[in-house]
Amino acid sequence: MSVSAPPRQLAFALPHAESFSRDDFLDGPCNAAGLALIERWPDWPNRVMMLVGAEGSGKSHLAAIWAKEAGARTTSAHILTAAMVPAELATGALVVEDIDPATMDERALFHLLNLAREHEAFVLMTARQPPSAFDIGLRDLRSRLRALPVVTLAQPDDGLFRALIVKFGADRQMQLDETVVGYLASRIERSFVAAREAVARLDAESLRLGRPITRSLAAYLLRQEAASDE
């Protein structure tokens, strides 16, 4: 007589909303300049500013804080067209996310900068690289972007990195004790993306195995990942 195996619990990849409120922004030395820029508005050195940092470094969070304060609209650079520009600047303040020469319409961005200057609008742009690294074909746009003041966000220090792991867990309704946080912080790459991905995988593995989130589960997960990379 065969004995059927117990049913395996399925883990569903449900969306988890990340809070972009000021109260949920974790500040530290790595993003102090970016936070100072947002908090000193409208006393900016230029009406058009650029936030630069790696994926997950907090650019969008800071931009969301500013957008709420300034009544700004938000758009992505890759969808911006020249025809959209007047409406996007209607409130006198605009966030343009993910400036990337490979995916954006250069003439649309140039039109935006010109109209923002004409209307004295505020524009906050975000990018992963500084304008000096952009490969821009339109010469006038290239010079305008390279003249913009840039505020750079760095990778987190140890204290902020641990706090990020806790926050990403809280966004998923996970309570991570210090043994789990310390274990992950000392073994994964110290970056915003690595912290977010590690917490997401730990959450999924906990659901899949039906096990509580513990240091031993975190160790098991990292061992499995190391083995799969070999």
Protein backbone atom coordinates (compact mmCIF):
# COMPACT_ATOMS: atom_id res chain seq x y z
CA MET A 1 0.00 0.00 0.00
CA SER A 2 1.54 3.27 -1.06
CA VAL A 3 1.51 6.28 1.20
CA SER A 4 0.93 9.58 -0.53
CA ALA A 5 3.31 12.39 0.27
CA PRO A 6 1.92 15.34 2.20
CA PRO A 7 0.80 18.17 -0.04
CA ARG A 8 3.49 20.74 -0.77
CA GLN A 9 2.64 24.29 0.18
CA LEU A 10 2.75 26.67 -2.74
CA ALA A 11 4.28 30.12 -2.40
CA PHE A 12 2.52 32.79 -4.39
CA ALA A 13 4.44 35.87 -5.48
CA LEU A 14 2.05 38.50 -4.18
CA PRO A 15 2.88 42.19 -4.67
CA HIS A 16 4.21 44.02 -1.63
CA ALA A 17 3.76 47.78 -1.56
CA GLU A 18 6.74 49.75 -0.30
CA SER A 19 5.87 52.87 1.67
CA PHE A 20 7.28 56.10 0.24
CA SER A 21 6.27 58.37 3.13
CA ARG A 22 8.76 60.65 4.88
CA ASP A 23 8.34 58.70 8.11
CA ASP A 24 9.42 55.49 6.38
CA PHE A 25 12.56 56.97 4.79
CA LEU A 26 15.69 55.56 6.44
CA ASP A 27 18.30 58.28 6.50
CA GLY A 28 22.03 57.95 7.06
CA PRO A 29 25.36 59.31 5.84
CA CYS A 30 24.89 57.68 2.42
CA ASN A 31 21.75 59.66 1.58
CA ALA A 32 22.10 62.73 3.80
CA ALA A 33 22.81 65.04 0.85
CA GLY A 34 19.73 63.80 -1.01
CA LEU A 35 17.46 64.25 2.00
CA ALA A 36 18.92 67.73 2.63
CA LEU A 37 18.09 68.70 -0.96
CA ILE A 38 14.48 67.63 -0.58
CA GLU A 39 14.07 69.36 2.77
CA ARG A 40 15.57 72.67 1.64
CA TRP A 41 13.14 73.06 -1.29
CA PRO A 42 12.29 75.57 -2.72
CA ASP A 43 15.70 77.00 -1.79
CA TRP A 44 17.55 74.96 -4.42
CA PRO A 45 20.77 75.99 -6.16
CA ASN A 46 18.96 75.37 -9.46
CA ARG A 47 15.31 74.82 -10.37
CA VAL A 48 16.31 71.61 -12.13
CA MET A 49 18.20 69.07 -10.00
CA MET A 50 19.33 65.48 -10.48
CA LEU A 51 19.48 62.66 -7.95
CA VAL A 52 21.96 59.93 -8.91
CA GLY A 53 22.37 56.53 -7.27
CA ALA A 54 22.32 52.78 -7.75
CA GLU A 55 19.10 50.83 -8.12
CA GLY A 56 17.21 50.85 -4.84
CA SER A 57 19.29 53.62 -3.29
CA GLY A 58 16.24 55.69 -2.37
CA LYS A 59 15.96 58.03 -5.36
CA SER A 60 12.29 57.27 -5.96
CA HIS A 61 11.50 57.50 -2.26
CA LEU A 62 13.07 60.95 -2.00
CA ALA A 63 11.36 62.00 -5.23
CA ALA A 64 8.00 60.86 -3.84
CA ILE A 65 8.55 62.86 -0.65
CA TRP A 66 9.35 65.96 -2.70
CA ALA A 67 6.45 65.39 -5.11
CA LYS A 68 4.00 65.38 -2.22
CA GLU A 69 5.50 68.53 -0.73
CA ALA A 70 5.75 70.40 -4.05
CA GLY A 71 2.53 69.16 -5.63
CA ALA A 72 4.60 67.69 -8.44
CA ARG A 73 3.53 65.25 -11.09
CA THR A 74 5.68 62.19 -11.73
CA THR A 75 6.59 60.61 -15.05
CA SER A 76 9.18 58.20 -16.43
CA ALA A 77 11.78 59.46 -18.89
CA HIS A 78 11.23 56.56 -21.28
CA ILE A 79 7.57 57.44 -21.88
CA LEU A 80 8.01 61.22 -22.13
CA THR A 81 7.17 62.78 -25.50
CA ALA A 82 7.34 66.38 -26.61
CA ALA A 83 3.55 66.53 -26.80
CA MET A 84 3.26 65.50 -23.14
CA VAL A 85 5.59 68.18 -21.79
CA PRO A 86 3.15 71.12 -21.30
CA ALA A 87 0.66 68.99 -19.36
CA GLU A 88 3.39 67.40 -17.24
CA LEU A 89 4.62 70.85 -16.20
CA ALA A 90 1.12 72.16 -15.49
CA THR A 91 1.59 72.24 -11.70
CA GLY A 92 4.98 73.97 -11.92
CA ALA A 93 6.80 70.96 -10.50
CA LEU A 94 7.71 67.60 -12.04
CA VAL A 95 9.61 64.42 -11.18
CA VAL A 96 11.23 62.66 -14.15
CA GLU A 97 12.35 59.18 -13.15
CA ASP A 98 15.09 57.02 -14.69
CA ILE A 99 16.92 59.31 -17.08
CA ASP A 100 18.61 56.89 -19.48
CA PRO A 101 19.84 57.93 -22.95
CA ALA A 102 19.24 54.40 -24.26
CA THR A 103 15.48 54.58 -23.72
CA MET A 104 14.49 58.26 -23.70
CA ASP A 105 13.46 60.74 -26.38
CA GLU A 106 16.25 63.32 -26.32
CA ARG A 107 14.19 66.03 -28.02
CA ALA A 108 11.35 65.57 -25.56
CA LEU A 109 13.71 66.03 -22.62
CA PHE A 110 15.31 69.07 -24.24
CA HIS A 111 11.85 70.56 -24.78
CA LEU A 112 11.06 69.88 -21.14
CA LEU A 113 14.17 71.68 -19.92
CA ASN A 114 13.46 74.67 -22.14
CA LEU A 115 9.82 74.93 -21.08
CA ALA A 116 10.72 74.48 -17.41
CA ARG A 117 13.16 77.39 -17.70
CA GLU A 118 10.58 79.53 -19.50
CA HIS A 119 7.89 78.82 -16.89
CA GLU A 120 10.32 78.81 -13.93
CA ALA A 121 9.14 75.31 -13.00
CA PHE A 122 10.94 72.95 -10.64
CA VAL A 123 12.12 69.61 -12.04
CA LEU A 124 13.70 66.75 -10.09
CA MET A 125 15.28 64.03 -12.23
CA THR A 126 16.63 60.66 -11.13
CA ALA A 127 19.25 58.48 -12.81
CA ARG A 128 21.63 55.64 -12.07
CA GLN A 129 24.57 57.42 -13.67
CA PRO A 130 25.67 61.06 -13.61
CA PRO A 131 25.12 63.15 -16.76
CA SER A 132 28.87 63.12 -17.42
CA ALA A 133 28.52 59.40 -18.26
CA PHE A 134 25.57 59.85 -20.65
CA ASP A 135 25.98 59.16 -24.35
CA ILE A 136 23.80 61.98 -25.68
CA GLY A 137 23.50 62.66 -29.40
CA LEU A 138 21.82 66.07 -29.13
CA ARG A 139 24.66 68.44 -28.35
CA ASP A 140 22.58 71.17 -26.70
CA LEU A 141 20.88 68.61 -24.44
CA ARG A 142 24.24 67.10 -23.54
CA SER A 143 25.62 70.44 -22.42
CA ARG A 144 22.46 71.31 -20.49
CA LEU A 145 22.45 68.01 -18.60
CA ARG A 146 26.13 68.20 -17.75
CA ALA A 147 25.60 71.66 -16.29
CA LEU A 148 22.95 70.45 -13.84
CA PRO A 149 23.75 70.19 -10.12
CA VAL A 150 23.96 66.52 -9.14
CA VAL A 151 23.32 65.00 -5.71
CA THR A 152 24.67 61.47 -5.34
CA LEU A 153 23.34 58.71 -3.08
CA ALA A 154 25.93 56.17 -1.91
CA GLN A 155 25.63 52.57 -0.76
CA PRO A 156 24.46 52.08 2.87
CA ASP A 157 26.74 51.80 5.88
CA ASP A 158 26.38 48.88 8.30
CA GLY A 159 23.76 50.50 10.52
CA LEU A 160 21.54 51.61 7.66
CA PHE A 161 21.99 48.27 5.89
CA ARG A 162 20.61 46.41 8.91
CA ALA A 163 17.75 48.89 9.19
CA LEU A 164 16.94 48.33 5.50
CA ILE A 165 16.66 44.58 6.03
CA VAL A 166 14.24 45.20 8.90
CA LYS A 167 12.22 47.68 6.79
CA PHE A 168 11.98 45.37 3.78
CA GLY A 169 10.77 42.69 6.14
CA ALA A 170 8.18 45.01 7.67
CA ASP A 171 6.93 45.88 4.16
CA ARG A 172 6.11 42.16 3.85
CA GLN A 173 4.63 41.89 7.36
CA MET A 174 7.69 39.87 8.43
CA GLN A 175 9.19 40.21 11.89
CA LEU A 176 12.94 39.60 11.60
CA ASP A 177 14.80 39.14 14.85
CA GLU A 178 18.36 40.35 15.35
CA THR A 179 19.92 36.93 14.69
CA VAL A 180 18.36 36.82 11.21
CA VAL A 181 19.20 40.44 10.45
CA GLY A 182 22.79 40.06 11.61
CA TYR A 183 23.24 36.83 9.67
CA LEU A 184 22.00 38.33 6.41
CA ALA A 185 23.87 41.62 6.88
CA SER A 186 27.19 39.84 7.28
CA ARG A 187 26.78 37.49 4.32
CA ILE A 188 25.06 39.28 1.45
CA GLU A 189 26.31 42.08 -0.75
CA ARG A 190 25.93 45.43 0.97
CA SER A 191 23.53 47.07 -1.42
CA PHE A 192 19.89 48.12 -1.38
CA VAL A 193 18.97 45.64 -4.09
CA ALA A 194 20.69 42.71 -2.36
CA ALA A 195 18.87 43.46 0.89
CA ARG A 196 15.48 43.66 -0.81
CA GLU A 197 16.03 40.48 -2.83
CA ALA A 198 17.33 38.49 0.16
CA VAL A 199 14.27 39.38 2.24
CA ALA A 200 11.93 38.52 -0.65
CA ARG A 201 13.58 35.10 -1.12
CA LEU A 202 13.48 34.42 2.62
CA ASP A 203 9.78 35.24 2.68
CA ALA A 204 9.06 32.96 -0.29
CA GLU A 205 11.12 30.10 1.15
CA SER A 206 9.38 30.38 4.51
CA LEU A 207 6.00 30.09 2.79
CA ARG A 208 7.14 27.25 0.54
CA LEU A 209 8.51 25.15 3.37
CA GLY A 210 5.95 26.19 5.95
CA ARG A 211 8.74 27.12 8.35
CA PRO A 212 9.13 30.16 10.59
CA ILE A 213 11.76 32.73 9.62
CA THR A 214 14.84 31.91 11.66
CA ARG A 215 18.60 32.14 11.36
CA SER A 216 18.74 28.48 10.38
CA LEU A 217 16.27 29.10 7.53
CA ALA A 218 18.36 32.03 6.33
CA ALA A 219 21.46 29.84 6.45
CA TYR A 220 19.68 27.08 4.53
CA LEU A 221 18.57 29.56 1.87
CA LEU A 222 22.05 31.01 1.37
CA ARG A 223 23.57 27.51 1.21
CA GLN A 224 21.04 26.52 -1.46
CA GLU A 225 21.85 29.64 -3.46
CA ALA A 226 25.59 29.06 -3.14
CA ALA A 227 25.19 25.47 -4.32
CA SER A 228 23.12 26.54 -7.34
CA ASP A 229 25.83 29.05 -8.34
CA GLU A 230 28.53 26.39 -8.45
